[in-house]
Amino acid sequence: MLFVLVAICAVVTTFTVSRYYLSKTRLVETEIEKVIARKFSTSERALELGKLKEENAVMRNLLLDLVEN
């Protein structure tokens, strides 16, 4: 009976520790994603990409107006 109790305790402890490290890993990954997003939002490439998206939308609307007429 003692061996069964020790085995159950080992399984529960392993499960608890693995969940703890999993939650820590998720927290670190979300922080890394936030830092990457913050760095990318202030970069020149992101600003240029936003400008190109806006120009693309304008050109698309002009082309749709030409097709409709």
N, C-alpha and C. Protein backbone atom coordinates (compact mmCIF):
# COMPACT_ATOMS: atom_id res chain seq x y z
N MET A 1 0.81 -1.19 0.00
CA MET A 1 0.00 0.00 0.00
C MET A 1 0.86 1.26 0.00
N LEU A 2 2.00 1.18 0.69
CA LEU A 2 2.89 2.31 0.78
C LEU A 2 3.44 2.68 -0.60
N PHE A 3 3.74 1.67 -1.41
CA PHE A 3 4.28 1.93 -2.75
C PHE A 3 3.24 2.61 -3.64
N VAL A 4 1.99 2.24 -3.50
CA VAL A 4 0.92 2.86 -4.28
C VAL A 4 0.77 4.32 -3.89
N LEU A 5 0.83 4.61 -2.60
CA LEU A 5 0.72 5.98 -2.12
C LEU A 5 1.89 6.83 -2.61
N VAL A 6 3.09 6.29 -2.59
CA VAL A 6 4.27 7.00 -3.09
C VAL A 6 4.15 7.23 -4.59
N ALA A 7 3.66 6.27 -5.31
CA ALA A 7 3.48 6.42 -6.76
C ALA A 7 2.45 7.49 -7.08
N ILE A 8 1.36 7.51 -6.36
CA ILE A 8 0.32 8.53 -6.57
C ILE A 8 0.87 9.92 -6.26
N CYS A 9 1.63 10.03 -5.17
CA CYS A 9 2.25 11.32 -4.83
C CYS A 9 3.23 11.76 -5.91
N ALA A 10 3.99 10.84 -6.46
CA ALA A 10 4.94 11.17 -7.52
C ALA A 10 4.22 11.65 -8.77
N VAL A 11 3.12 11.01 -9.12
CA VAL A 11 2.35 11.41 -10.30
C VAL A 11 1.75 12.80 -10.10
N VAL A 12 1.17 13.03 -8.93
CA VAL A 12 0.56 14.33 -8.66
C VAL A 12 1.62 15.42 -8.65
N THR A 13 2.76 15.16 -8.03
CA THR A 13 3.84 16.14 -8.00
C THR A 13 4.36 16.43 -9.39
N THR A 14 4.53 15.41 -10.19
CA THR A 14 5.00 15.61 -11.57
C THR A 14 4.01 16.44 -12.37
N PHE A 15 2.74 16.16 -12.22
CA PHE A 15 1.70 16.90 -12.92
C PHE A 15 1.71 18.37 -12.49
N THR A 16 1.82 18.61 -11.19
CA THR A 16 1.80 19.98 -10.67
C THR A 16 3.02 20.77 -11.13
N VAL A 17 4.18 20.16 -11.06
CA VAL A 17 5.40 20.85 -11.48
C VAL A 17 5.39 21.12 -12.98
N SER A 18 4.90 20.18 -13.76
CA SER A 18 4.86 20.39 -15.21
C SER A 18 3.88 21.51 -15.56
N ARG A 19 2.76 21.60 -14.88
CA ARG A 19 1.80 22.70 -15.12
C ARG A 19 2.41 24.04 -14.72
N TYR A 20 3.18 24.06 -13.65
CA TYR A 20 3.84 25.28 -13.20
C TYR A 20 4.81 25.79 -14.27
N TYR A 21 5.65 24.89 -14.77
CA TYR A 21 6.62 25.31 -15.78
C TYR A 21 5.94 25.66 -17.10
N LEU A 22 4.84 25.01 -17.41
CA LEU A 22 4.10 25.34 -18.62
C LEU A 22 3.51 26.75 -18.52
N SER A 23 2.96 27.08 -17.38
CA SER A 23 2.39 28.42 -17.21
C SER A 23 3.49 29.49 -17.23
N LYS A 24 4.65 29.19 -16.67
CA LYS A 24 5.77 30.12 -16.72
C LYS A 24 6.23 30.33 -18.16
N THR A 25 6.27 29.26 -18.92
CA THR A 25 6.69 29.34 -20.32
C THR A 25 5.70 30.19 -21.12
N ARG A 26 4.41 29.99 -20.90
CA ARG A 26 3.40 30.79 -21.60
C ARG A 26 3.54 32.26 -21.26
N LEU A 27 3.79 32.57 -19.99
CA LEU A 27 3.95 33.95 -19.57
C LEU A 27 5.15 34.60 -20.26
N VAL A 28 6.25 33.89 -20.31
CA VAL A 28 7.45 34.42 -20.96
C VAL A 28 7.21 34.61 -22.46
N GLU A 29 6.53 33.66 -23.09
CA GLU A 29 6.25 33.77 -24.53
C GLU A 29 5.37 34.98 -24.82
N THR A 30 4.37 35.24 -23.99
CA THR A 30 3.52 36.41 -24.22
C THR A 30 4.31 37.70 -24.03
N GLU A 31 5.20 37.73 -23.06
CA GLU A 31 6.04 38.92 -22.86
C GLU A 31 6.96 39.14 -24.05
N ILE A 32 7.52 38.07 -24.58
CA ILE A 32 8.38 38.19 -25.76
C ILE A 32 7.59 38.71 -26.95
N GLU A 33 6.38 38.21 -27.14
CA GLU A 33 5.53 38.68 -28.24
C GLU A 33 5.21 40.16 -28.08
N LYS A 34 4.96 40.61 -26.86
CA LYS A 34 4.68 42.02 -26.62
C LYS A 34 5.88 42.89 -26.96
N VAL A 35 7.08 42.44 -26.58
CA VAL A 35 8.29 43.20 -26.87
C VAL A 35 8.53 43.27 -28.37
N ILE A 36 8.34 42.16 -29.05
CA ILE A 36 8.53 42.14 -30.50
C ILE A 36 7.53 43.07 -31.18
N ALA A 37 6.28 43.04 -30.74
CA ALA A 37 5.26 43.91 -31.33
C ALA A 37 5.59 45.37 -31.08
N ARG A 38 6.06 45.69 -29.89
CA ARG A 38 6.41 47.08 -29.58
C ARG A 38 7.59 47.55 -30.42
N LYS A 39 8.60 46.71 -30.57
CA LYS A 39 9.77 47.09 -31.38
C LYS A 39 9.38 47.23 -32.85
N PHE A 40 8.52 46.33 -33.33
CA PHE A 40 8.13 46.38 -34.74
C PHE A 40 7.26 47.59 -35.03
N SER A 41 6.42 47.99 -34.08
CA SER A 41 5.52 49.11 -34.34
C SER A 41 6.26 50.43 -34.47
N THR A 42 7.45 50.53 -33.91
CA THR A 42 8.21 51.77 -34.01
C THR A 42 9.29 51.73 -35.09
N SER A 43 9.39 50.63 -35.80
CA SER A 43 10.44 50.53 -36.80
C SER A 43 10.04 51.24 -38.09
N GLU A 44 11.01 51.57 -38.89
CA GLU A 44 10.78 52.25 -40.16
C GLU A 44 10.02 51.35 -41.13
N ARG A 45 10.32 50.08 -41.11
CA ARG A 45 9.67 49.15 -42.02
C ARG A 45 8.17 49.05 -41.74
N ALA A 46 7.80 49.07 -40.48
CA ALA A 46 6.38 49.01 -40.14
C ALA A 46 5.66 50.26 -40.61
N LEU A 47 6.30 51.40 -40.46
CA LEU A 47 5.69 52.64 -40.93
C LEU A 47 5.54 52.63 -42.46
N GLU A 48 6.58 52.14 -43.13
CA GLU A 48 6.52 52.04 -44.59
C GLU A 48 5.44 51.06 -45.03
N LEU A 49 5.32 49.96 -44.31
CA LEU A 49 4.30 48.96 -44.63
C LEU A 49 2.90 49.55 -44.46
N GLY A 50 2.69 50.32 -43.42
CA GLY A 50 1.39 50.97 -43.23
C GLY A 50 1.08 51.94 -44.35
N LYS A 51 2.09 52.67 -44.78
CA LYS A 51 1.90 53.62 -45.88
C LYS A 51 1.56 52.87 -47.17
N LEU A 52 2.24 51.77 -47.43
CA LEU A 52 1.97 50.98 -48.63
C LEU A 52 0.57 50.37 -48.59
N LYS A 53 0.12 49.93 -47.42
CA LYS A 53 -1.23 49.39 -47.31
C LYS A 53 -2.27 50.45 -47.63
N GLU A 54 -2.02 51.67 -47.13
CA GLU A 54 -2.95 52.76 -47.39
C GLU A 54 -2.99 53.10 -48.88
N GLU A 55 -1.82 53.17 -49.51
CA GLU A 55 -1.77 53.45 -50.94
C GLU A 55 -2.44 52.33 -51.74
N ASN A 56 -2.26 51.11 -51.31
CA ASN A 56 -2.88 49.97 -51.98
C ASN A 56 -4.40 50.06 -51.90
N ALA A 57 -4.91 50.45 -50.76
CA ALA A 57 -6.36 50.58 -50.60
C ALA A 57 -6.91 51.68 -51.49
N VAL A 58 -6.19 52.80 -51.59
CA VAL A 58 -6.63 53.89 -52.46
C VAL A 58 -6.64 53.44 -53.91
N MET A 59 -5.58 52.76 -54.33
CA MET A 59 -5.49 52.29 -55.72
C MET A 59 -6.60 51.28 -56.01
N ARG A 60 -6.89 50.42 -55.07
CA ARG A 60 -7.95 49.43 -55.25
C ARG A 60 -9.30 50.11 -55.43
N ASN A 61 -9.57 51.12 -54.60
CA ASN A 61 -10.83 51.84 -54.73
C ASN A 61 -10.93 52.56 -56.07
N LEU A 62 -9.83 53.14 -56.53
CA LEU A 62 -9.85 53.80 -57.84
C LEU A 62 -10.12 52.80 -58.94
N LEU A 63 -9.51 51.65 -58.87
CA LEU A 63 -9.72 50.63 -59.91
C LEU A 63 -11.16 50.12 -59.89
N LEU A 64 -11.72 49.94 -58.70
CA LEU A 64 -13.12 49.51 -58.62
C LEU A 64 -14.04 50.56 -59.20
N ASP A 65 -13.75 51.84 -58.96
CA ASP A 65 -14.57 52.90 -59.54
C ASP A 65 -14.47 52.90 -61.06
N LEU A 66 -13.27 52.65 -61.58
CA LEU A 66 -13.11 52.60 -63.04
C LEU A 66 -13.89 51.44 -63.65
N VAL A 67 -13.90 50.31 -62.97
CA VAL A 67 -14.60 49.14 -63.48
C VAL A 67 -16.10 49.37 -63.45
N GLU A 68 -16.58 50.02 -62.39
CA GLU A 68 -18.03 50.27 -62.28
C GLU A 68 -18.52 51.23 -63.34
N ASN A 69 -17.68 52.19 -63.71
CA ASN A 69 -18.10 53.17 -64.71
C ASN A 69 -17.79 52.63 -66.06
